[in-house]
Amino acid sequence: PTPVPTPLPTNQPIPGSAGWYVDGDKCVLGESFTESLHPSASACCTDQLSWMSNELCVSLSTGVPTNMFYADQIASVCKQDCPAGNGLPCGGSPSDLSLTLYSSLASCCT
């Protein structure tokens, strides 16, 4: 007799179906059977985390700083989204993820 193929369990990701999906306040690349998969970090951020700037979301998701500027209201200065260990104006990623990002220090400080 011909063996009957065993169906894939329904609670497992489909092999080869990796994509970007939301995990907290960022998107991650991997396989998921419970989350919508997106072809890129940018698409995931746009579709799922639109309350945050797309640039910041992609930065948090990929680990690559935006190098854009943001206003640190507590310190009353503008900082750059780059490793804080690099010295000012680098201040690391902003802790308030809803902040506006600016392309230059001058535009941030006005």
Foldseek 3Di string as FASTA:
>chain_A
DDDDDDDDDLQDFDPPPWAWFDDPQEIEIDTHNPTDGDHARLVRCVVPVVLFDSLLRNCVHVVPWSQWWFADVVVRAIAGQDPVVVDPSHDHRDPPRNTDTHRDRVVRND
